[in-house]
Amino acid sequence: MSDFSVPDGTYHQWQASHDISSKELKIGDIGIKESGGVGKYNHIGIYSGDGKWIHCNYSRNGVTLEKTDIFKFYRRFNNVVFEDDKQSKPNSNKKKEDDEMIEQKEFIVNNKKIKLDTIFKDNKNYVSLQSLKDANVLDASYDKVKKIAVITSK
């Protein structure tokens, strides 16, 4: 419904998110138990407000909603902007996220004009592989065995 997909696994969710402080936590943010999204006993929870987390608690037979302090790293998925955080005009196509400016720009790829989300950070412009994949410019996948991204142009 939100047109946002969440990658599978703690490592990929870590890579698709950025650090936030405990004071910045909002409903829908995630908590990750171990740094980098890696670790034999890593675990993720979804913040539900008032210090409570939704997560799978095997000792309590499944998914629970509870106050817990097991999550040490608070993260927000990249390109998620909450309504009350928007700094721009309602109809603007720009969003400010910390020191990043996200803007949709036109590019010419294979002699075709396409619009892609760009991120301006540290005086550089970036386009994500996912947006190029969504625009049907390239194919990208993740090889779990070799632990590398596989990118092919179309």
Protein backbone atom coordinates (compact mmCIF):
# COMPACT_ATOMS: atom_id res chain seq x y z
CA MET A 1 0.00 0.00 0.00
CA SER A 2 2.85 2.40 0.70
CA ASP A 3 4.74 1.43 -2.48
CA PHE A 4 7.75 0.58 -0.35
CA SER A 5 9.36 -2.83 -0.18
CA VAL A 6 11.40 -4.04 2.77
CA PRO A 7 14.37 -6.27 1.95
CA ASP A 8 14.58 -9.67 3.64
CA GLY A 9 17.14 -10.20 6.40
CA THR A 10 18.80 -8.04 9.01
CA TYR A 11 21.88 -7.28 6.89
CA HIS A 12 19.81 -5.99 3.97
CA GLN A 13 17.49 -4.04 6.25
CA TRP A 14 20.54 -2.44 7.89
CA GLN A 15 21.84 -1.48 4.44
CA ALA A 16 18.46 -0.01 3.43
CA SER A 17 18.22 2.18 6.54
CA HIS A 18 20.12 4.84 8.45
CA ASP A 19 20.89 5.56 12.11
CA ILE A 20 18.50 7.57 14.24
CA SER A 21 18.59 8.36 17.94
CA SER A 22 16.18 6.96 20.50
CA LYS A 23 14.62 10.44 20.70
CA GLU A 24 13.87 10.34 16.96
CA LEU A 25 12.03 6.98 17.06
CA LYS A 26 8.64 7.01 15.36
CA ILE A 27 6.09 4.29 14.79
CA GLY A 28 7.38 2.14 11.93
CA ASP A 29 11.10 2.64 12.62
CA ILE A 30 13.13 -0.49 13.31
CA GLY A 31 15.42 -1.65 16.07
CA ILE A 32 18.26 -4.03 15.34
CA LYS A 33 20.00 -6.03 18.04
CA GLU A 34 23.52 -6.21 16.57
CA SER A 35 25.63 -3.66 14.65
CA GLY A 36 25.85 -3.86 10.87
CA GLY A 37 22.83 -6.13 10.67
CA VAL A 38 25.10 -9.15 11.08
CA GLY A 39 25.49 -11.63 13.89
CA LYS A 40 24.44 -15.17 14.69
CA TYR A 41 21.67 -14.04 17.04
CA ASN A 42 20.57 -10.85 15.31
CA HIS A 43 17.00 -9.72 15.68
CA ILE A 44 14.73 -6.92 14.40
CA GLY A 45 11.74 -5.20 15.93
CA ILE A 46 9.29 -2.60 14.64
CA TYR A 47 8.72 0.38 16.91
CA SER A 48 5.05 0.84 17.81
CA GLY A 49 5.29 3.86 20.12
CA ASP A 50 5.36 4.38 23.88
CA GLY A 51 8.55 2.31 24.21
CA LYS A 52 6.89 -0.81 22.77
CA TRP A 53 8.20 -3.07 20.01
CA ILE A 54 6.58 -5.64 17.74
CA HIS A 55 8.88 -8.62 17.29
CA CYS A 56 8.92 -12.38 17.28
CA ASN A 57 9.58 -13.64 20.78
CA TYR A 58 10.07 -17.41 20.64
CA SER A 59 9.99 -17.74 24.42
CA ARG A 60 6.48 -16.24 24.32
CA ASN A 61 5.29 -18.32 21.34
CA GLY A 62 5.42 -15.85 18.50
CA VAL A 63 4.88 -12.22 17.64
CA THR A 64 4.55 -9.95 20.68
CA LEU A 65 3.98 -6.28 21.47
CA GLU A 66 6.07 -5.40 24.50
CA LYS A 67 8.45 -2.96 26.11
CA THR A 68 11.97 -4.30 25.70
CA ASP A 69 15.54 -3.01 25.66
CA ILE A 70 17.07 -5.71 23.44
CA PHE A 71 17.34 -3.39 20.42
CA LYS A 72 20.54 -1.34 20.60
CA PHE A 73 20.53 0.22 17.13
CA TYR A 74 17.64 2.40 16.00
CA ARG A 75 17.18 2.79 12.25
CA ARG A 76 14.82 4.40 9.73
CA PHE A 77 14.45 3.08 6.20
CA ASN A 78 16.04 5.33 3.59
CA ASN A 79 13.70 7.68 1.72
CA VAL A 80 11.00 7.39 4.40
CA VAL A 81 9.76 10.80 5.44
CA PHE A 82 7.01 11.15 8.02
CA GLU A 83 4.27 13.70 7.34
CA ASP A 84 5.21 15.76 10.40
CA ASP A 85 8.87 15.87 9.29
CA LYS A 86 8.32 17.29 5.82
CA GLN A 87 10.17 20.57 5.48
CA SER A 88 8.93 21.43 2.01
CA LYS A 89 5.73 22.62 0.44
CA PRO A 90 3.00 19.95 0.07
CA ASN A 91 3.26 19.78 -3.74
CA SER A 92 7.04 19.98 -3.92
CA ASN A 93 8.97 17.02 -5.27
CA LYS A 94 11.86 17.68 -2.87
CA LYS A 95 12.22 16.24 0.61
CA LYS A 96 14.87 17.11 3.18
CA GLU A 97 16.26 14.16 5.13
CA ASP A 98 19.01 15.16 7.55
CA ASP A 99 21.73 16.42 5.20
CA GLU A 100 20.28 14.72 2.11
CA MET A 101 18.09 16.35 -0.52
CA ILE A 102 15.96 13.91 -2.50
CA GLU A 103 14.68 15.21 -5.79
CA GLN A 104 13.27 13.65 -8.93
CA LYS A 105 15.32 14.63 -12.01
CA GLU A 106 15.20 13.76 -15.69
CA PHE A 107 17.95 11.68 -17.26
CA ILE A 108 18.56 10.39 -20.76
CA VAL A 109 19.37 6.70 -20.64
CA ASN A 110 19.63 4.65 -23.85
CA ASN A 111 18.20 7.63 -25.76
CA LYS A 112 15.07 7.72 -23.56
CA LYS A 113 14.09 10.39 -21.05
CA ILE A 114 13.38 8.93 -17.62
CA LYS A 115 12.77 10.47 -14.19
CA LEU A 116 14.79 9.08 -11.29
CA ASP A 117 15.02 9.95 -7.64
CA THR A 118 18.37 11.53 -6.89
CA ILE A 119 20.03 12.11 -3.56
CA PHE A 120 22.34 15.04 -3.05
CA LYS A 121 24.71 14.39 -0.17
CA ASP A 122 28.22 15.59 0.63
CA ASN A 123 28.23 17.70 -2.55
CA LYS A 124 27.60 14.66 -4.76
CA ASN A 125 24.53 13.44 -6.67
CA TYR A 126 23.53 9.79 -6.33
CA VAL A 127 21.01 7.56 -8.08
CA SER A 128 20.18 4.27 -6.39
CA LEU A 129 20.49 0.92 -8.13
CA GLN A 130 16.92 0.20 -7.06
CA SER A 131 15.59 3.27 -8.91
CA LEU A 132 17.52 2.23 -12.04
CA LYS A 133 16.07 -1.27 -11.70
CA ASP A 134 12.55 0.15 -11.19
CA ALA A 135 13.02 2.30 -14.32
CA ASN A 136 13.93 -0.87 -16.27
CA VAL A 137 17.43 0.42 -17.03
CA LEU A 138 19.31 -2.47 -15.47
CA ASP A 139 18.81 -5.76 -13.68
CA ALA A 140 20.15 -6.16 -10.17
CA SER A 141 20.04 -9.06 -7.77
CA TYR A 142 21.93 -10.33 -4.75
CA ASP A 143 23.97 -13.53 -4.84
CA LYS A 144 23.53 -14.91 -1.31
CA VAL A 145 26.27 -17.50 -1.74
CA LYS A 146 28.97 -15.05 -2.91
CA LYS A 147 27.43 -12.16 -0.93
CA ILE A 148 27.70 -9.70 -3.79
CA ALA A 149 25.35 -7.60 -5.90
CA VAL A 150 24.98 -8.79 -9.50
CA ILE A 151 24.23 -5.93 -11.91
CA THR A 152 23.58 -6.27 -15.64
CA SER A 153 22.57 -3.56 -18.09
CA LYS A 154 19.58 -3.99 -20.38
